[in-house]
């Protein structure tokens, strides 16, 4: 995996079409829920993939789970992991990033616009 000039933060910040669902009265709680659910999805997928790889490698006699635990990445692997970590953090923090962008653009947050429209 390489960076290949992909702007992961920009991609993670893309907005979905339509109105964001509101589950709680406080928009910050909705953003926190969004972050937690993104983490849950990421961790679930990674656990399944890791388990699959470990089982296949051990079953084929390629290496043991203990060897996986003792592995230390080289510089290239460390760099690739760093790139993957940046993309992961960008996906997890997407909601917060969008709120910061809205404040910087002096736009009202979607939650505030929604509340004002409901009061009409």
N, C-alpha and C. Protein backbone atom coordinates (compact mmCIF):
# COMPACT_ATOMS: atom_id res chain seq x y z
N UNK A 1 0.85 -1.18 0.00
CA UNK A 1 0.00 0.00 0.00
C UNK A 1 0.89 1.23 0.00
N UNK A 2 0.61 2.15 -0.90
CA UNK A 2 1.38 3.40 -0.90
C UNK A 2 0.41 4.57 -0.95
N UNK A 3 0.96 5.74 -0.70
CA UNK A 3 0.13 6.95 -0.64
C UNK A 3 -0.42 7.32 -2.01
N UNK A 4 0.39 7.18 -3.07
CA UNK A 4 -0.02 7.45 -4.45
C UNK A 4 -0.68 8.81 -4.64
N UNK A 5 -0.35 9.79 -3.81
CA UNK A 5 -0.90 11.13 -3.98
C UNK A 5 -2.38 11.27 -3.64
N UNK A 6 -2.94 10.28 -3.01
CA UNK A 6 -4.36 10.32 -2.64
C UNK A 6 -4.52 11.18 -1.40
N UNK A 7 -5.45 12.11 -1.43
CA UNK A 7 -5.72 12.95 -0.27
C UNK A 7 -6.82 12.29 0.56
N UNK A 8 -6.40 11.44 1.48
CA UNK A 8 -7.35 10.67 2.28
C UNK A 8 -8.23 11.55 3.14
N UNK A 9 -7.69 12.63 3.62
CA UNK A 9 -8.48 13.52 4.47
C UNK A 9 -9.60 14.15 3.66
N UNK A 10 -9.29 14.59 2.44
CA UNK A 10 -10.32 15.18 1.58
C UNK A 10 -11.38 14.14 1.23
N UNK A 11 -10.95 12.92 0.92
CA UNK A 11 -11.91 11.87 0.59
C UNK A 11 -12.80 11.53 1.78
N UNK A 12 -12.21 11.47 2.96
CA UNK A 12 -12.99 11.15 4.16
C UNK A 12 -13.97 12.26 4.50
N UNK A 13 -13.66 13.48 4.06
CA UNK A 13 -14.50 14.62 4.38
C UNK A 13 -15.66 14.84 3.42
N UNK A 14 -15.78 13.97 2.41
CA UNK A 14 -16.89 14.14 1.47
C UNK A 14 -18.21 14.02 2.21
N UNK A 15 -19.13 14.85 1.82
CA UNK A 15 -20.44 14.86 2.49
C UNK A 15 -21.44 14.00 1.72
N UNK A 16 -22.21 13.28 2.47
CA UNK A 16 -23.28 12.49 1.87
C UNK A 16 -24.40 13.43 1.46
N UNK A 17 -25.15 13.03 0.44
CA UNK A 17 -26.28 13.84 0.01
C UNK A 17 -27.41 13.67 1.02
N UNK A 18 -28.19 14.70 1.16
CA UNK A 18 -29.33 14.63 2.06
C UNK A 18 -29.00 15.11 3.46
N UNK A 19 -30.02 15.09 4.28
CA UNK A 19 -29.90 15.58 5.65
C UNK A 19 -29.31 14.50 6.54
N UNK A 20 -28.42 14.93 7.45
CA UNK A 20 -27.84 14.00 8.41
C UNK A 20 -28.91 13.60 9.42
N UNK A 21 -28.96 12.32 9.78
CA UNK A 21 -29.93 11.92 10.79
C UNK A 21 -29.58 12.50 12.16
N UNK A 22 -30.60 12.82 12.92
CA UNK A 22 -30.42 13.34 14.28
C UNK A 22 -31.02 12.34 15.25
N UNK A 23 -30.20 11.86 16.17
CA UNK A 23 -30.67 10.89 17.15
C UNK A 23 -30.79 11.49 18.54
N UNK A 24 -29.98 12.51 18.81
CA UNK A 24 -29.95 13.12 20.13
C UNK A 24 -30.18 14.62 20.01
N UNK A 25 -30.61 15.22 21.10
CA UNK A 25 -30.86 16.66 21.11
C UNK A 25 -29.58 17.47 20.91
N UNK A 26 -28.49 16.99 21.46
CA UNK A 26 -27.20 17.68 21.36
C UNK A 26 -26.45 17.17 20.13
N UNK A 27 -26.15 18.04 19.17
CA UNK A 27 -25.44 17.63 17.95
C UNK A 27 -24.06 17.03 18.25
N UNK A 28 -23.43 17.44 19.33
CA UNK A 28 -22.12 16.89 19.68
C UNK A 28 -22.23 15.40 20.00
N UNK A 29 -23.33 15.00 20.61
CA UNK A 29 -23.53 13.59 20.93
C UNK A 29 -23.72 12.79 19.64
N UNK A 30 -24.44 13.36 18.68
CA UNK A 30 -24.59 12.70 17.38
C UNK A 30 -23.24 12.52 16.70
N UNK A 31 -22.38 13.55 16.75
CA UNK A 31 -21.05 13.44 16.15
C UNK A 31 -20.22 12.37 16.86
N UNK A 32 -20.31 12.35 18.18
CA UNK A 32 -19.58 11.34 18.94
C UNK A 32 -20.06 9.93 18.59
N UNK A 33 -21.36 9.77 18.47
CA UNK A 33 -21.92 8.48 18.07
C UNK A 33 -21.39 8.09 16.70
N UNK A 34 -21.32 9.03 15.78
CA UNK A 34 -20.80 8.77 14.44
C UNK A 34 -19.35 8.29 14.50
N UNK A 35 -18.55 8.93 15.34
CA UNK A 35 -17.15 8.53 15.49
C UNK A 35 -17.06 7.12 16.07
N UNK A 36 -17.82 6.86 17.11
CA UNK A 36 -17.78 5.55 17.75
C UNK A 36 -18.22 4.46 16.77
N UNK A 37 -19.26 4.71 16.00
CA UNK A 37 -19.73 3.71 15.05
C UNK A 37 -18.71 3.47 13.93
N UNK A 38 -18.02 4.52 13.50
CA UNK A 38 -16.96 4.35 12.50
C UNK A 38 -15.85 3.47 13.07
N UNK A 39 -15.50 3.70 14.33
CA UNK A 39 -14.48 2.88 14.99
C UNK A 39 -14.93 1.43 15.12
N UNK A 40 -16.17 1.23 15.50
CA UNK A 40 -16.70 -0.12 15.65
C UNK A 40 -16.62 -0.87 14.31
N UNK A 41 -17.03 -0.21 13.24
CA UNK A 41 -16.99 -0.85 11.92
C UNK A 41 -15.56 -1.20 11.52
N UNK A 42 -14.65 -0.25 11.70
CA UNK A 42 -13.25 -0.48 11.34
C UNK A 42 -12.65 -1.63 12.15
N UNK A 43 -12.86 -1.62 13.44
CA UNK A 43 -12.28 -2.65 14.30
C UNK A 43 -12.86 -4.02 13.97
N UNK A 44 -14.15 -4.08 13.74
CA UNK A 44 -14.80 -5.35 13.42
C UNK A 44 -14.21 -5.96 12.15
N UNK A 45 -14.09 -5.18 11.11
CA UNK A 45 -13.54 -5.67 9.84
C UNK A 45 -12.09 -6.11 10.03
N UNK A 46 -11.30 -5.31 10.72
CA UNK A 46 -9.89 -5.64 10.91
C UNK A 46 -9.71 -6.91 11.75
N UNK A 47 -10.55 -7.08 12.74
CA UNK A 47 -10.45 -8.29 13.57
C UNK A 47 -10.76 -9.53 12.74
N UNK A 48 -11.79 -9.45 11.91
CA UNK A 48 -12.14 -10.60 11.07
C UNK A 48 -11.04 -10.91 10.06
N UNK A 49 -10.51 -9.88 9.42
CA UNK A 49 -9.44 -10.09 8.44
C UNK A 49 -8.18 -10.63 9.12
N UNK A 50 -7.81 -10.08 10.25
CA UNK A 50 -6.64 -10.56 10.97
C UNK A 50 -6.79 -12.01 11.39
N UNK A 51 -7.96 -12.35 11.90
CA UNK A 51 -8.23 -13.72 12.33
C UNK A 51 -8.13 -14.67 11.14
N UNK A 52 -8.71 -14.27 10.01
CA UNK A 52 -8.65 -15.09 8.79
C UNK A 52 -7.21 -15.34 8.37
N UNK A 53 -6.43 -14.27 8.32
CA UNK A 53 -5.02 -14.41 7.92
C UNK A 53 -4.25 -15.31 8.87
N UNK A 54 -4.41 -15.09 10.16
CA UNK A 54 -3.69 -15.90 11.14
C UNK A 54 -4.06 -17.38 11.01
N UNK A 55 -5.33 -17.66 10.84
CA UNK A 55 -5.77 -19.06 10.73
C UNK A 55 -5.22 -19.71 9.46
N UNK A 56 -5.30 -18.98 8.33
CA UNK A 56 -4.79 -19.54 7.08
C UNK A 56 -3.28 -19.76 7.12
N UNK A 57 -2.56 -18.79 7.63
CA UNK A 57 -1.10 -18.92 7.70
C UNK A 57 -0.68 -20.06 8.62
N UNK A 58 -1.35 -20.19 9.74
CA UNK A 58 -1.01 -21.26 10.67
C UNK A 58 -1.41 -22.63 10.10
N UNK A 59 -2.57 -22.71 9.46
CA UNK A 59 -3.04 -23.98 8.88
C UNK A 59 -2.12 -24.46 7.76
N UNK A 60 -1.56 -23.54 7.00
CA UNK A 60 -0.67 -23.91 5.90
C UNK A 60 0.78 -24.06 6.36
N UNK A 61 1.03 -23.85 7.64
CA UNK A 61 2.37 -24.02 8.17
C UNK A 61 3.33 -22.92 7.76
N UNK A 62 2.79 -21.77 7.33
CA UNK A 62 3.65 -20.66 6.91
C UNK A 62 4.29 -20.00 8.11
N UNK A 63 3.51 -19.72 9.13
CA UNK A 63 4.03 -19.17 10.38
C UNK A 63 3.00 -19.36 11.48
N UNK A 64 3.45 -19.17 12.69
CA UNK A 64 2.56 -19.37 13.84
C UNK A 64 2.05 -18.02 14.34
N UNK A 65 1.06 -18.07 15.17
CA UNK A 65 0.52 -16.84 15.75
C UNK A 65 1.55 -16.16 16.65
N UNK A 66 2.40 -16.95 17.27
CA UNK A 66 3.46 -16.38 18.10
C UNK A 66 4.44 -15.57 17.25
N UNK A 67 4.74 -16.04 16.05
CA UNK A 67 5.63 -15.29 15.15
C UNK A 67 4.99 -13.95 14.75
N UNK A 68 3.68 -13.96 14.58
CA UNK A 68 2.97 -12.71 14.26
C UNK A 68 3.11 -11.74 15.42
N UNK A 69 2.94 -12.22 16.64
CA UNK A 69 3.05 -11.37 17.83
C UNK A 69 4.44 -10.76 17.97
N UNK A 70 5.47 -11.48 17.55
CA UNK A 70 6.84 -11.01 17.72
C UNK A 70 7.35 -10.19 16.54
N UNK A 71 6.56 -10.02 15.49
CA UNK A 71 6.99 -9.30 14.28
C UNK A 71 7.26 -7.82 14.58
N UNK A 72 8.36 -7.30 14.01
CA UNK A 72 8.70 -5.89 14.10
C UNK A 72 8.81 -5.34 12.68
N UNK A 73 8.01 -4.34 12.30
CA UNK A 73 8.03 -3.84 10.92
C UNK A 73 9.32 -3.09 10.58
N UNK A 74 9.73 -3.17 9.29
CA UNK A 74 10.88 -2.40 8.83
C UNK A 74 10.41 -0.99 8.47
N UNK A 75 11.31 -0.14 7.97
CA UNK A 75 10.99 1.27 7.69
C UNK A 75 9.88 1.40 6.65
N UNK A 76 9.94 0.60 5.57
CA UNK A 76 8.91 0.69 4.53
C UNK A 76 7.53 0.30 5.08
N UNK A 77 7.50 -0.78 5.83
CA UNK A 77 6.23 -1.21 6.42
C UNK A 77 5.73 -0.16 7.40
N UNK A 78 6.65 0.44 8.15
CA UNK A 78 6.26 1.50 9.08
C UNK A 78 5.66 2.69 8.37
N UNK A 79 6.25 3.07 7.22
CA UNK A 79 5.72 4.18 6.43
C UNK A 79 4.31 3.84 5.92
N UNK A 80 4.15 2.65 5.36
CA UNK A 80 2.85 2.25 4.83
C UNK A 80 1.80 2.20 5.94
N UNK A 81 2.19 1.75 7.10
CA UNK A 81 1.26 1.74 8.23
C UNK A 81 0.89 3.16 8.64
N UNK A 82 1.85 4.07 8.56
CA UNK A 82 1.57 5.47 8.88
C UNK A 82 0.55 6.07 7.93
N UNK A 83 0.70 5.78 6.62
CA UNK A 83 -0.25 6.26 5.62
C UNK A 83 -1.64 5.69 5.91
N UNK A 84 -1.69 4.40 6.20
CA UNK A 84 -2.98 3.76 6.50
C UNK A 84 -3.60 4.35 7.76
N UNK A 85 -2.78 4.66 8.75
CA UNK A 85 -3.28 5.26 9.99
C UNK A 85 -3.87 6.64 9.73
N UNK A 86 -3.21 7.44 8.88
CA UNK A 86 -3.75 8.77 8.54
C UNK A 86 -5.12 8.64 7.89
N UNK A 87 -5.26 7.71 6.96
CA UNK A 87 -6.55 7.50 6.30
C UNK A 87 -7.61 7.06 7.29
N UNK A 88 -7.23 6.18 8.19
CA UNK A 88 -8.15 5.67 9.21
C UNK A 88 -8.62 6.79 10.13
N UNK A 89 -7.70 7.60 10.60
CA UNK A 89 -8.06 8.72 11.48
C UNK A 89 -8.95 9.71 10.75
N UNK A 90 -8.66 9.95 9.47
CA UNK A 90 -9.49 10.88 8.69
C UNK A 90 -10.92 10.36 8.60
N UNK A 91 -11.09 9.05 8.40
CA UNK A 91 -12.44 8.49 8.32
C UNK A 91 -13.15 8.61 9.67
N UNK A 92 -12.45 8.31 10.73
CA UNK A 92 -13.05 8.35 12.07
C UNK A 92 -13.44 9.77 12.46
N UNK A 93 -12.61 10.73 12.11
CA UNK A 93 -12.83 12.12 12.53
C UNK A 93 -13.62 12.95 11.51
N UNK A 94 -14.22 12.30 10.52
CA UNK A 94 -14.92 13.01 9.45
C UNK A 94 -15.95 14.00 9.97
N UNK A 95 -16.76 13.60 10.93
CA UNK A 95 -17.80 14.49 11.45
C UNK A 95 -17.24 15.72 12.11
N UNK A 96 -16.19 15.55 12.89
CA UNK A 96 -15.56 16.69 13.55
C UNK A 96 -14.93 17.61 12.51
N UNK A 97 -14.27 17.02 11.51
CA UNK A 97 -13.64 17.80 10.45
C UNK A 97 -14.68 18.67 9.73
N UNK A 98 -15.82 18.10 9.43
CA UNK A 98 -16.86 18.86 8.74
C UNK A 98 -17.38 20.00 9.60
N UNK A 99 -17.50 19.79 10.89
CA UNK A 99 -17.95 20.85 11.79
C UNK A 99 -16.92 21.98 11.83
N UNK A 100 -15.64 21.63 11.87
CA UNK A 100 -14.58 22.65 11.88
C UNK A 100 -14.59 23.43 10.57
N UNK A 101 -14.76 22.72 9.45
CA UNK A 101 -14.81 23.40 8.14
C UNK A 101 -15.99 24.36 8.08
N UNK A 102 -17.13 23.96 8.64
CA UNK A 102 -18.30 24.83 8.63
C UNK A 102 -18.04 26.09 9.44
N UNK A 103 -17.34 25.95 10.57
CA UNK A 103 -17.02 27.12 11.38
C UNK A 103 -16.04 28.03 10.65
N UNK A 104 -15.06 27.45 9.97
CA UNK A 104 -14.06 28.23 9.25
C UNK A 104 -14.68 28.97 8.08
N UNK A 105 -15.68 28.37 7.46
CA UNK A 105 -16.35 28.99 6.31
C UNK A 105 -17.45 29.94 6.77
N UNK A 106 -17.61 30.06 8.07
CA UNK A 106 -18.64 30.91 8.66
C UNK A 106 -20.04 30.47 8.25
N UNK A 107 -20.15 29.18 7.91
CA UNK A 107 -21.46 28.61 7.61
C UNK A 107 -22.06 28.11 8.91
N UNK A 108 -23.37 28.14 8.97
CA UNK A 108 -24.03 27.58 10.14
C UNK A 108 -23.93 26.07 10.05
N UNK A 109 -23.73 25.41 11.18
CA UNK A 109 -23.74 23.94 11.18
C UNK A 109 -25.11 23.43 10.74
N UNK A 110 -25.12 22.27 10.12
CA UNK A 110 -26.37 21.68 9.65
C UNK A 110 -27.37 21.57 10.78
N UNK A 111 -26.89 21.22 11.96
CA UNK A 111 -27.78 21.07 13.10
C UNK A 111 -28.49 22.37 13.44
N UNK A 112 -27.77 23.50 13.36
CA UNK A 112 -28.36 24.80 13.67
C UNK A 112 -29.38 25.19 12.62
N UNK A 113 -29.07 24.97 11.36
CA UNK A 113 -30.01 25.28 10.27
C UNK A 113 -31.27 24.44 10.45
N UNK A 114 -31.08 23.16 10.76
CA UNK A 114 -32.22 22.27 10.97
C UNK A 114 -33.10 22.77 12.12
N UNK A 115 -32.47 23.16 13.22
CA UNK A 115 -33.22 23.64 14.38
C UNK A 115 -34.00 24.91 14.03
N UNK A 116 -33.35 25.83 13.30
CA UNK A 116 -34.01 27.08 12.92
C UNK A 116 -35.19 26.82 11.99
N UNK A 117 -35.04 25.86 11.09
CA UNK A 117 -36.14 25.54 10.18
C UNK A 117 -37.32 24.92 10.92
N UNK A 118 -37.02 24.12 11.93
CA UNK A 118 -38.09 23.50 12.72
C UNK A 118 -38.87 24.54 13.51
N UNK A 119 -38.19 25.63 13.88
CA UNK A 119 -38.84 26.68 14.67
C UNK A 119 -39.70 27.61 13.82
N UNK A 120 -39.60 27.50 12.51
CA UNK A 120 -40.42 28.37 11.63
C UNK A 120 -41.87 27.99 11.64
